[in-house]
PDB file of N, CA and C in Angstrom:
ATOM      1  N   MET A   1       0.906  -1.328  -0.067  1.00  0.00           N
ATOM      2  CA  MET A   1      -0.071  -0.053   0.017  1.00  0.00           C
ATOM      3  C   MET A   1       0.980   1.284   0.118  1.00  0.00           C
ATOM      4  N   LYS A   2       1.791   1.461   0.674  1.00  0.00           N
ATOM      5  CA  LYS A   2       2.844   2.180   0.916  1.00  0.00           C
ATOM      6  C   LYS A   2       3.583   2.616  -0.674  1.00  0.00           C
ATOM      7  N   HIS A   3       3.815   1.687  -1.406  1.00  0.00           N
ATOM      8  CA  HIS A   3       4.393   1.615  -3.087  1.00  0.00           C
ATOM      9  C   HIS A   3       3.328   2.552  -3.481  1.00  0.00           C
ATOM     10  N   MET A   4       2.144   2.088  -3.648  1.00  0.00           N
ATOM     11  CA  MET A   4       0.954   2.722  -4.092  1.00  0.00           C
ATOM     12  C   MET A   4       0.949   4.231  -4.060  1.00  0.00           C
ATOM     13  N   SER A   5       0.990   4.726  -2.641  1.00  0.00           N
ATOM     14  CA  SER A   5       0.474   5.926  -2.344  1.00  0.00           C
ATOM     15  C   SER A   5       1.717   6.974  -2.873  1.00  0.00           C
ATOM     16  N   THR A   6       3.022   6.432  -2.681  1.00  0.00           N
ATOM     17  CA  THR A   6       4.470   7.122  -3.251  1.00  0.00           C
ATOM     18  C   THR A   6       4.287   7.079  -4.693  1.00  0.00           C
ATOM     19  N   ARG A   7       3.435   6.404  -5.454  1.00  0.00           N
ATOM     20  CA  ARG A   7       3.861   6.092  -6.752  1.00  0.00           C
ATOM     21  C   ARG A   7       2.481   7.143  -7.336  1.00  0.00           C
ATOM     22  N   SER A   8       1.146   7.210  -6.732  1.00  0.00           N
ATOM     23  CA  SER A   8       0.238   8.076  -6.630  1.00  0.00           C
ATOM     24  C   SER A   8       1.016   9.764  -6.516  1.00  0.00           C
ATOM     25  N   PHE A   9       1.672   9.696  -5.643  1.00  0.00           N
ATOM     26  CA  PHE A   9       2.051  11.026  -5.331  1.00  0.00           C
ATOM     27  C   PHE A   9       3.262  11.792  -6.327  1.00  0.00           C
ATOM     28  N   LEU A  10       3.971  10.589  -6.814  1.00  0.00           N
ATOM     29  CA  LEU A  10       4.756  11.115  -7.778  1.00  0.00           C
ATOM     30  C   LEU A  10       4.328  11.480  -9.002  1.00  0.00           C
ATOM     31  N   PHE A  11       3.110  10.684  -9.468  1.00  0.00           N
ATOM     32  CA  PHE A  11       2.407  11.063 -10.863  1.00  0.00           C
ATOM     33  C   PHE A  11       1.526  12.367 -10.408  1.00  0.00           C
ATOM     34  N   ALA A  12       0.909  12.699  -9.192  1.00  0.00           N
ATOM     35  CA  ALA A  12       0.551  13.918  -9.062  1.00  0.00           C
ATOM     36  C   ALA A  12       1.481  15.054  -9.211  1.00  0.00           C
ATOM     37  N   LEU A  13       2.637  14.680  -9.012  1.00  0.00           N
ATOM     38  CA  LEU A  13       3.589  15.635  -8.855  1.00  0.00           C
ATOM     39  C   LEU A  13       4.404  16.050  -9.779  1.00  0.00           C
ATOM     40  N   VAL A  14       4.102  15.096 -11.282  1.00  0.00           N
ATOM     41  CA  VAL A  14       4.409  15.592 -12.377  1.00  0.00           C
ATOM     42  C   VAL A  14       2.946  16.252 -13.096  1.00  0.00           C
ATOM     43  N   LEU A  15       2.117  15.488 -12.797  1.00  0.00           N
ATOM     44  CA  LEU A  15       0.942  15.838 -13.666  1.00  0.00           C
ATOM     45  C   LEU A  15       0.418  17.071 -13.548  1.00  0.00           C
ATOM     46  N   PHE A  16       0.605  17.933 -12.284  1.00  0.00           N
ATOM     47  CA  PHE A  16       0.063  19.157 -12.146  1.00  0.00           C
ATOM     48  C   PHE A  16       1.081  20.124 -12.809  1.00  0.00           C
ATOM     49  N   PRO A  17       2.051  20.096 -12.805  1.00  0.00           N
ATOM     50  CA  PRO A  17       2.753  21.130 -13.619  1.00  0.00           C
ATOM     51  C   PRO A  17       2.892  21.045 -14.634  1.00  0.00           C
ATOM     52  N   LEU A  18       2.521  19.701 -15.454  1.00  0.00           N
ATOM     53  CA  LEU A  18       2.098  19.483 -16.737  1.00  0.00           C
ATOM     54  C   LEU A  18       1.019  20.234 -17.306  1.00  0.00           C
ATOM     55  N   MET A  19       0.142  19.935 -16.468  1.00  0.00           N
ATOM     56  CA  MET A  19      -1.711  20.690 -16.977  1.00  0.00           C
ATOM     57  C   MET A  19      -1.499  22.238 -16.532  1.00  0.00           C
ATOM     58  N   ALA A  20      -0.484  22.903 -15.816  1.00  0.00           N
ATOM     59  CA  ALA A  20      -0.489  24.314 -15.610  1.00  0.00           C
ATOM     60  C   ALA A  20       0.180  24.535 -16.846  1.00  0.00           C
ATOM     61  N   MET A  21       1.412  23.801 -17.496  1.00  0.00           N
ATOM     62  CA  MET A  21       2.208  24.305 -18.541  1.00  0.00           C
ATOM     63  C   MET A  21       1.308  24.358 -19.852  1.00  0.00           C
ATOM     64  N   GLY A  22       0.164  23.360 -19.820  1.00  0.00           N
ATOM     65  CA  GLY A  22      -0.207  23.166 -20.830  1.00  0.00           C
ATOM     66  C   GLY A  22      -1.514  24.234 -21.156  1.00  0.00           C
ATOM     67  N   GLN A  23      -1.631  25.152 -20.347  1.00  0.00           N
ATOM     68  CA  GLN A  23      -2.894  26.299 -20.182  1.00  0.00           C
ATOM     69  C   GLN A  23      -2.099  27.293 -21.275  1.00  0.00           C
ATOM     70  N   LYS A  24      -3.447  27.895 -21.921  1.00  0.00           N
ATOM     71  CA  LYS A  24      -3.089  29.048 -22.727  1.00  0.00           C
ATOM     72  C   LYS A  24      -3.092  30.006 -21.763  1.00  0.00           C
ATOM     73  N   PRO A  25      -1.685  30.887 -22.218  1.00  0.00           N
ATOM     74  CA  PRO A  25      -2.161  32.302 -21.557  1.00  0.00           C
ATOM     75  C   PRO A  25      -3.073  33.024 -21.893  1.00  0.00           C
ATOM     76  N   ALA A  26      -3.714  34.156 -20.592  1.00  0.00           N
ATOM     77  CA  ALA A  26      -5.059  34.743 -20.919  1.00  0.00           C
ATOM     78  C   ALA A  26      -4.806  35.709 -21.987  1.00  0.00           C
ATOM     79  N   SER A  27      -5.678  36.032 -22.739  1.00  0.00           N
ATOM     80  CA  SER A  27      -5.610  37.305 -23.462  1.00  0.00           C
ATOM     81  C   SER A  27      -5.385  38.754 -22.961  1.00  0.00           C
ATOM     82  N   PRO A  28      -5.058  39.493 -23.603  1.00  0.00           N
ATOM     83  CA  PRO A  28      -4.862  40.840 -22.800  1.00  0.00           C
ATOM     84  C   PRO A  28      -6.143  41.561 -22.346  1.00  0.00           C
ATOM     85  N   THR A  29      -6.928  41.342 -23.014  1.00  0.00           N
ATOM     86  CA  THR A  29      -8.319  42.025 -22.404  1.00  0.00           C
ATOM     87  C   THR A  29      -8.380  41.232 -21.350  1.00  0.00           C
ATOM     88  N   ALA A  30      -8.359  40.060 -21.262  1.00  0.00           N
ATOM     89  CA  ALA A  30      -8.618  39.041 -19.819  1.00  0.00           C
ATOM     90  C   ALA A  30      -7.686  39.482 -18.303  1.00  0.00           C
ATOM     91  N   ARG A  31      -6.356  39.753 -19.079  1.00  0.00           N
ATOM     92  CA  ARG A  31      -5.871  39.920 -18.007  1.00  0.00           C
ATOM     93  C   ARG A  31      -5.694  41.406 -17.455  1.00  0.00           C
ATOM     94  N   GLU A  32      -6.007  42.374 -18.338  1.00  0.00           N
ATOM     95  CA  GLU A  32      -6.166  43.865 -17.928  1.00  0.00           C
ATOM     96  C   GLU A  32      -7.465  44.353 -18.344  1.00  0.00           C
ATOM     97  N   PRO A  33      -8.663  44.190 -17.236  1.00  0.00           N
ATOM     98  CA  PRO A  33      -9.932  44.608 -17.950  1.00  0.00           C
ATOM     99  C   PRO A  33      -9.814  46.067 -17.714  1.00  0.00           C
ATOM    100  N   ASP A  34     -10.749  46.560 -18.952  1.00  0.00           N
ATOM    101  CA  ASP A  34     -10.900  47.627 -19.238  1.00  0.00           C
ATOM    102  C   ASP A  34     -12.375  48.351 -18.566  1.00  0.00           C
ATOM    103  N   ASN A  35     -11.768  48.998 -17.379  1.00  0.00           N
ATOM    104  CA  ASN A  35     -13.250  49.707 -16.613  1.00  0.00           C
ATOM    105  C   ASN A  35     -13.298  50.970 -17.201  1.00  0.00           C
ATOM    106  N   THR A  36     -12.961  51.647 -18.622  1.00  0.00           N
ATOM    107  CA  THR A  36     -13.325  52.626 -19.292  1.00  0.00           C
ATOM    108  C   THR A  36     -14.848  52.275 -19.647  1.00  0.00           C
ATOM    109  N   PRO A  37     -15.849  53.343 -18.980  1.00  0.00           N
ATOM    110  CA  PRO A  37     -17.310  53.119 -19.394  1.00  0.00           C
ATOM    111  C   PRO A  37     -17.173  53.898 -20.960  1.00  0.00           C
ATOM    112  N   THR A  38     -17.941  53.266 -21.930  1.00  0.00           N
ATOM    113  CA  THR A  38     -18.441  53.751 -22.871  1.00  0.00           C
ATOM    114  C   THR A  38     -19.389  54.922 -22.695  1.00  0.00           C
ATOM    115  N   LEU A  39     -19.034  56.027 -22.956  1.00  0.00           N
ATOM    116  CA  LEU A  39     -19.769  56.979 -22.381  1.00  0.00           C
ATOM    117  C   LEU A  39     -20.721  57.578 -23.495  1.00  0.00           C
ATOM    118  N   ASN A  40     -21.965  57.699 -23.678  1.00  0.00           N
ATOM    119  CA  ASN A  40     -22.846  58.298 -24.586  1.00  0.00           C
ATOM    120  C   ASN A  40     -22.782  59.984 -24.513  1.00  0.00           C
ATOM    121  N   ALA A  41     -23.391  60.558 -25.037  1.00  0.00           N
ATOM    122  CA  ALA A  41     -23.342  62.027 -24.951  1.00  0.00           C
ATOM    123  C   ALA A  41     -24.354  62.466 -23.597  1.00  0.00           C
ATOM    124  N   THR A  42     -25.160  61.935 -23.206  1.00  0.00           N
ATOM    125  CA  THR A  42     -26.031  62.115 -22.014  1.00  0.00           C
ATOM    126  C   THR A  42     -25.477  61.817 -20.755  1.00  0.00           C
ATOM    127  N   THR A  43     -24.690  61.037 -20.726  1.00  0.00           N
ATOM    128  CA  THR A  43     -23.823  60.821 -19.367  1.00  0.00           C
ATOM    129  C   THR A  43     -22.695  61.701 -19.333  1.00  0.00           C
ATOM    130  N   ARG A  44     -22.060  61.914 -20.516  1.00  0.00           N
ATOM    131  CA  ARG A  44     -20.706  62.630 -20.782  1.00  0.00           C
ATOM    132  C   ARG A  44     -21.112  64.165 -20.371  1.00  0.00           C
ATOM    133  N   ALA A  45     -22.315  64.593 -20.602  1.00  0.00           N
ATOM    134  CA  ALA A  45     -22.955  65.859 -20.172  1.00  0.00           C
ATOM    135  C   ALA A  45     -23.212  65.790 -18.713  1.00  0.00           C
ATOM    136  N   VAL A  46     -23.452  65.121 -18.288  1.00  0.00           N
ATOM    137  CA  VAL A  46     -23.917  64.935 -16.588  1.00  0.00           C
ATOM    138  C   VAL A  46     -22.794  65.271 -16.029  1.00  0.00           C
ATOM    139  N   LEU A  47     -21.703  64.118 -16.497  1.00  0.00           N
ATOM    140  CA  LEU A  47     -20.478  63.996 -15.654  1.00  0.00           C
ATOM    141  C   LEU A  47     -19.486  65.361 -15.834  1.00  0.00           C
ATOM    142  N   LEU A  48     -19.722  66.212 -17.038  1.00  0.00           N
ATOM    143  CA  LEU A  48     -19.015  67.101 -17.227  1.00  0.00           C
ATOM    144  C   LEU A  48     -19.610  68.433 -16.230  1.00  0.00           C
ATOM    145  N   VAL A  49     -20.998  68.318 -15.818  1.00  0.00           N
ATOM    146  CA  VAL A  49     -21.675  69.555 -15.015  1.00  0.00           C
ATOM    147  C   VAL A  49     -21.680  69.359 -13.920  1.00  0.00           C
ATOM    148  N   ASN A  50     -20.681  68.104 -13.361  1.00  0.00           N
ATOM    149  CA  ASN A  50     -20.430  67.729 -12.131  1.00  0.00           C
ATOM    150  C   ASN A  50     -19.214  67.888 -12.007  1.00  0.00           C
ATOM    151  N   ARG A  51     -18.533  68.172 -13.022  1.00  0.00           N
ATOM    152  CA  ARG A  51     -16.855  68.394 -12.682  1.00  0.00           C
ATOM    153  C   ARG A  51     -16.500  69.526 -11.718  1.00  0.00           C
ATOM    154  N   PRO A  52     -16.071  68.993 -10.381  1.00  0.00           N
ATOM    155  CA  PRO A  52     -15.298  70.055  -9.679  1.00  0.00           C
ATOM    156  C   PRO A  52     -14.803  70.873 -10.244  1.00  0.00           C
ATOM    157  N   ALA A  53     -14.443  72.308  -9.753  1.00  0.00           N
ATOM    158  CA  ALA A  53     -13.410  73.186 -10.746  1.00  0.00           C
ATOM    159  C   ALA A  53     -12.302  72.869 -10.778  1.00  0.00           C
ATOM    160  N   HIS A  54     -11.713  72.279  -9.661  1.00  0.00           N
ATOM    161  CA  HIS A  54      -9.869  72.040  -9.483  1.00  0.00           C
ATOM    162  C   HIS A  54      -9.598  70.648 -10.533  1.00  0.00           C
ATOM    163  N   PHE A  55     -10.616  70.162 -11.001  1.00  0.00           N
ATOM    164  CA  PHE A  55     -10.415  69.087 -12.033  1.00  0.00           C
ATOM    165  C   PHE A  55     -10.486  69.412 -13.527  1.00  0.00           C
ATOM    166  N   THR A  56      -9.505  69.270 -14.535  1.00  0.00           N
ATOM    167  CA  THR A  56      -9.699  69.574 -15.789  1.00  0.00           C
ATOM    168  C   THR A  56     -10.463  68.528 -16.126  1.00  0.00           C
ATOM    169  N   GLU A  57     -11.289  68.711 -17.782  1.00  0.00           N
ATOM    170  CA  GLU A  57     -11.842  67.967 -18.296  1.00  0.00           C
ATOM    171  C   GLU A  57     -11.450  66.507 -17.891  1.00  0.00           C
ATOM    172  N   ALA A  58     -10.221  66.572 -18.639  1.00  0.00           N
ATOM    173  CA  ALA A  58      -9.191  65.050 -19.044  1.00  0.00           C
ATOM    174  C   ALA A  58      -9.528  64.374 -17.549  1.00  0.00           C
ATOM    175  N   GLU A  59      -8.747  64.989 -16.595  1.00  0.00           N
ATOM    176  CA  GLU A  59      -8.713  64.203 -15.362  1.00  0.00           C
ATOM    177  C   GLU A  59      -9.853  63.841 -14.840  1.00  0.00           C
ATOM    178  N   TRP A  60     -10.922  64.788 -14.963  1.00  0.00           N
ATOM    179  CA  TRP A  60     -12.474  64.156 -14.279  1.00  0.00           C
ATOM    180  C   TRP A  60     -12.603  62.698 -15.088  1.00  0.00           C
ATOM    181  N   LEU A  61     -12.499  62.949 -16.128  1.00  0.00           N
ATOM    182  CA  LEU A  61     -13.327  61.764 -17.164  1.00  0.00           C
ATOM    183  C   LEU A  61     -12.462  60.500 -16.582  1.00  0.00           C
ATOM    184  N   ARG A  62     -10.955  60.743 -16.549  1.00  0.00           N
ATOM    185  CA  ARG A  62     -10.142  59.522 -16.260  1.00  0.00           C
ATOM    186  C   ARG A  62     -10.264  59.304 -15.012  1.00  0.00           C
ATOM    187  N   MET A  63     -10.660  60.087 -13.864  1.00  0.00           N
ATOM    188  CA  MET A  63     -10.597  59.335 -12.555  1.00  0.00           C
ATOM    189  C   MET A  63     -12.139  58.892 -12.468  1.00  0.00           C
ATOM    190  N   MET A  64     -13.234  59.345 -13.303  1.00  0.00           N
ATOM    191  CA  MET A  64     -14.510  58.684 -13.081  1.00  0.00           C
ATOM    192  C   MET A  64     -14.368  57.297 -13.795  1.00  0.00           C
ATOM    193  N   GLU A  65     -13.033  56.965 -14.755  1.00  0.00           N
ATOM    194  CA  GLU A  65     -13.302  55.709 -15.413  1.00  0.00           C
ATOM    195  C   GLU A  65     -13.243  54.528 -14.399  1.00  0.00           C
ATOM    196  N   GLN A  66     -12.839  54.758 -13.212  1.00  0.00           N
ATOM    197  CA  GLN A  66     -12.419  54.090 -12.067  1.00  0.00           C
ATOM    198  C   GLN A  66     -13.746  53.619 -11.249  1.00  0.00           C
ATOM    199  N   PRO A  67     -14.345  52.323 -11.048  1.00  0.00           N
ATOM    200  CA  PRO A  67     -15.546  52.082 -10.291  1.00  0.00           C
ATOM    201  C   PRO A  67     -15.425  52.870  -9.010  1.00  0.00           C
ATOM    202  N   LEU A  68     -14.457  52.917  -8.084  1.00  0.00           N
ATOM    203  CA  LEU A  68     -14.553  53.238  -6.693  1.00  0.00           C
ATOM    204  C   LEU A  68     -14.961  54.660  -6.798  1.00  0.00           C
ATOM    205  N   ASN A  69     -14.392  55.419  -7.839  1.00  0.00           N
ATOM    206  CA  ASN A  69     -14.574  56.837  -8.144  1.00  0.00           C
ATOM    207  C   ASN A  69     -15.862  57.249  -8.434  1.00  0.00           C
ATOM    208  N   ARG A  70     -16.734  56.017  -9.190  1.00  0.00           N
ATOM    209  CA  ARG A  70     -18.113  56.568  -9.680  1.00  0.00           C
ATOM    210  C   ARG A  70     -18.866  56.218  -8.534  1.00  0.00           C
ATOM    211  N   SER A  71     -18.611  55.259  -7.241  1.00  0.00           N
ATOM    212  CA  SER A  71     -19.289  55.080  -6.210  1.00  0.00           C
ATOM    213  C   SER A  71     -19.007  56.108  -5.266  1.00  0.00           C
ATOM    214  N   LEU A  72     -17.606  56.855  -5.308  1.00  0.00           N
ATOM    215  CA  LEU A  72     -17.408  57.999  -4.053  1.00  0.00           C
ATOM    216  C   LEU A  72     -17.987  59.260  -4.720  1.00  0.00           C
ATOM    217  N   TYR A  73     -18.192  59.452  -6.071  1.00  0.00           N
ATOM    218  CA  TYR A  73     -18.884  61.009  -6.257  1.00  0.00           C
ATOM    219  C   TYR A  73     -20.062  60.819  -7.111  1.00  0.00           C
ATOM    220  N   PRO A  74     -20.919  60.831  -6.319  1.00  0.00           N
ATOM    221  CA  PRO A  74     -22.238  60.579  -7.299  1.00  0.00           C
ATOM    222  C   PRO A  74     -22.778  61.924  -7.747  1.00  0.00           C
ATOM    223  N   LEU A  75     -23.180  61.556  -8.924  1.00  0.00           N
ATOM    224  CA  LEU A  75     -23.444  62.667  -9.812  1.00  0.00           C
ATOM    225  C   LEU A  75     -24.964  63.233  -9.864  1.00  0.00           C
ATOM    226  N   ARG A  76     -25.250  64.835  -9.479  1.00  0.00           N
ATOM    227  CA  ARG A  76     -26.282  65.158  -9.095  1.00  0.00           C
ATOM    228  C   ARG A  76     -27.047  65.736 -10.613  1.00  0.00           C
ATOM    229  N   ILE A  77     -28.563  65.337 -10.367  1.00  0.00           N
ATOM    230  CA  ILE A  77     -29.297  65.639 -11.582  1.00  0.00           C
ATOM    231  C   ILE A  77     -30.568  66.196 -11.011  1.00  0.00           C
ATOM    232  N   ASP A  78     -31.006  67.271 -11.431  1.00  0.00           N
ATOM    233  CA  ASP A  78     -32.313  68.103 -11.270  1.00  0.00           C
ATOM    234  C   ASP A  78     -33.263  68.022 -12.319  1.00  0.00           C
ATOM    235  N   GLN A  79     -34.603  68.341 -11.554  1.00  0.00           N
ATOM    236  CA  GLN A  79     -35.399  68.106 -12.549  1.00  0.00           C
ATOM    237  C   GLN A  79     -35.194  68.933 -14.088  1.00  0.00           C
ATOM    238  N   ALA A  80     -34.410  69.840 -14.058  1.00  0.00           N
ATOM    239  CA  ALA A  80     -34.368  70.879 -15.251  1.00  0.00           C
ATOM    240  C   ALA A  80     -33.482  69.739 -16.135  1.00  0.00           C
ATOM    241  N   MET A  81     -32.467  69.481 -15.559  1.00  0.00           N
ATOM    242  CA  MET A  81     -31.768  68.128 -16.393  1.00  0.00           C
ATOM    243  C   MET A  81     -32.527  66.876 -16.924  1.00  0.00           C
ATOM    244  N   LEU A  82     -33.432  66.555 -16.283  1.00  0.00           N
ATOM    245  CA  LEU A  82     -34.209  65.580 -16.702  1.00  0.00           C
ATOM    246  C   LEU A  82     -35.379  65.892 -17.590  1.00  0.00           C
ATOM    247  N   ASP A  83     -35.952  67.119 -17.696  1.00  0.00           N
ATOM    248  CA  ASP A  83     -36.592  67.565 -19.064  1.00  0.00           C
ATOM    249  C   ASP A  83     -35.844  67.745 -19.762  1.00  0.00           C
ATOM    250  N   THR A  84     -34.722  67.825 -20.248  1.00  0.00           N
ATOM    251  CA  THR A  84     -33.774  68.408 -21.366  1.00  0.00           C
ATOM    252  C   THR A  84     -33.221  66.987 -21.712  1.00  0.00           C
ATOM    253  N   LEU A  85     -32.912  66.046 -20.826  1.00  0.00           N
ATOM    254  CA  LEU A  85     -31.844  64.573 -21.016  1.00  0.00           C
ATOM    255  C   LEU A  85     -32.878  63.540 -21.219  1.00  0.00           C
ATOM    256  N   ASP A  86     -32.652  62.553 -21.714  1.00  0.00           N
ATOM    257  CA  ASP A  86     -33.334  61.303 -21.916  1.00  0.00           C
ATOM    258  C   ASP A  86     -32.757  60.452 -20.655  1.00  0.00           C
ATOM    259  N   ALA A  87     -33.571  60.290 -19.322  1.00  0.00           N
ATOM    260  CA  ALA A  87     -32.770  59.657 -18.371  1.00  0.00           C
ATOM    261  C   ALA A  87     -32.540  58.243 -18.322  1.00  0.00           C
ATOM    262  N   ARG A  88     -33.351  57.815 -19.528  1.00  0.00           N
ATOM    263  CA  ARG A  88     -32.993  56.323 -19.720  1.00  0.00           C
ATOM    264  C   ARG A  88     -31.726  55.933 -20.898  1.00  0.00           C
ATOM    265  N   MET A  89     -30.946  57.315 -21.098  1.00  0.00           N
ATOM    266  CA  MET A  89     -29.507  56.913 -21.830  1.00  0.00           C
ATOM    267  C   MET A  89     -28.226  57.123 -20.626  1.00  0.00           C
ATOM    268  N   LEU A  90     -28.716  57.382 -19.387  1.00  0.00           N
ATOM    269  CA  LEU A  90     -27.716  57.430 -18.517  1.00  0.00           C
ATOM    270  C   LEU A  90     -27.142  56.510 -18.077  1.00  0.00           C
ATOM    271  N   ASP A  91     -25.673  56.135 -17.717  1.00  0.00           N
ATOM    272  CA  ASP A  91     -25.060  55.307 -17.764  1.00  0.00           C
ATOM    273  C   ASP A  91     -25.299  54.489 -16.347  1.00  0.00           C
ATOM    274  N   ARG A  92     -25.947  53.034 -16.380  1.00  0.00           N
ATOM    275  CA  ARG A  92     -26.397  52.592 -15.105  1.00  0.00           C
ATOM    276  C   ARG A  92     -25.048  52.443 -13.954  1.00  0.00           C
ATOM    277  N   ARG A  93     -23.693  52.371 -14.473  1.00  0.00           N
ATOM    278  CA  ARG A  93     -22.645  51.992 -13.668  1.00  0.00           C
ATOM    279  C   ARG A  93     -22.404  53.304 -12.901  1.00  0.00           C
ATOM    280  N   PHE A  94     -22.858  54.574 -13.091  1.00  0.00           N
ATOM    281  CA  PHE A  94     -22.279  55.742 -12.232  1.00  0.00           C
ATOM    282  C   PHE A  94     -23.657  56.055 -11.204  1.00  0.00           C
ATOM    283  N   GLN A  95     -23.614  56.532 -10.128  1.00  0.00           N
ATOM    284  CA  GLN A  95     -24.884  56.675  -8.942  1.00  0.00           C
ATOM    285  C   GLN A  95     -25.532  57.933  -9.731  1.00  0.00           C
ATOM    286  N   TYR A  96     -26.438  58.259  -9.117  1.00  0.00           N
ATOM    287  CA  TYR A  96     -26.912  59.680  -9.391  1.00  0.00           C
ATOM    288  C   TYR A  96     -27.986  60.284  -8.404  1.00  0.00           C
ATOM    289  N   ILE A  97     -27.983  61.141  -7.648  1.00  0.00           N
ATOM    290  CA  ILE A  97     -28.564  62.098  -6.725  1.00  0.00           C
ATOM    291  C   ILE A  97     -29.620  63.184  -7.434  1.00  0.00           C
ATOM    292  N   LEU A  98     -30.988  62.763  -7.196  1.00  0.00           N
ATOM    293  CA  LEU A  98     -31.856  63.849  -7.581  1.00  0.00           C
ATOM    294  C   LEU A  98     -31.715  65.092  -6.227  1.00  0.00           C
ATOM    295  N   THR A  99     -31.459  66.195  -6.674  1.00  0.00           N
ATOM    296  CA  THR A  99     -31.458  67.459  -6.216  1.00  0.00           C
ATOM    297  C   THR A  99     -32.676  68.435  -6.580  1.00  0.00           C
ATOM    298  N   GLY A 100     -32.665  69.350  -5.631  1.00  0.00           N
ATOM    299  CA  GLY A 100     -33.713  70.508  -5.980  1.00  0.00           C
ATOM    300  C   GLY A 100     -35.233  70.115  -5.909  1.00  0.00           C
ATOM    301  N   GLY A 101     -36.138  71.024  -5.513  1.00  0.00           N
ATOM    302  CA  GLY A 101     -37.412  70.532  -5.319  1.00  0.00           C
ATOM    303  C   GLY A 101     -37.727  70.194  -3.862  1.00  0.00           C
ATOM    304  N   PRO A 102     -38.985  69.788  -3.582  1.00  0.00           N
ATOM    305  CA  PRO A 102     -39.396  69.439  -2.039  1.00  0.00           C
ATOM    306  C   PRO A 102     -38.627  67.703  -1.694  1.00  0.00           C
ATOM    307  N   TRP A 103     -37.928  67.035  -2.792  1.00  0.00           N
ATOM    308  CA  TRP A 103     -37.459  65.822  -2.597  1.00  0.00           C
ATOM    309  C   TRP A 103     -36.069  65.660  -2.331  1.00  0.00           C
ATOM    310  N   GLY A 104     -35.350  66.992  -2.402  1.00  0.00           N
ATOM    311  CA  GLY A 104     -33.650  66.752  -2.196  1.00  0.00           C
ATOM    312  C   GLY A 104     -33.297  67.962  -1.863  1.00  0.00           C
ATOM    313  N   PRO A 105     -32.011  68.333  -1.626  1.00  0.00           N
ATOM    314  CA  PRO A 105     -31.277  69.613  -0.592  1.00  0.00           C
ATOM    315  C   PRO A 105     -31.168  70.456  -1.923  1.00  0.00           C
TER     316      PRO A 105
END
């Protein structure tokens, strides 16, 4: 019995590295997920309206590509924006806060 467990151990010792070497390398897109949201005109307009003054447009858009920043900086929209923009076109990866009127600050 001892001889068989040693043989199984040696088989596993050789088999597992061979299986690992036989795997194809991941494609570049699988290794580096692209977190860049494809922004439509509606979402881009709301993003730019919410841009703090101390960020340039490029910095703000680059920063908001990161999912963590999208959750830390919710985008404020008001009724006037909803009247002029198609709310169905807003990117759902961002958080929105309805402001103004009796329902918000």
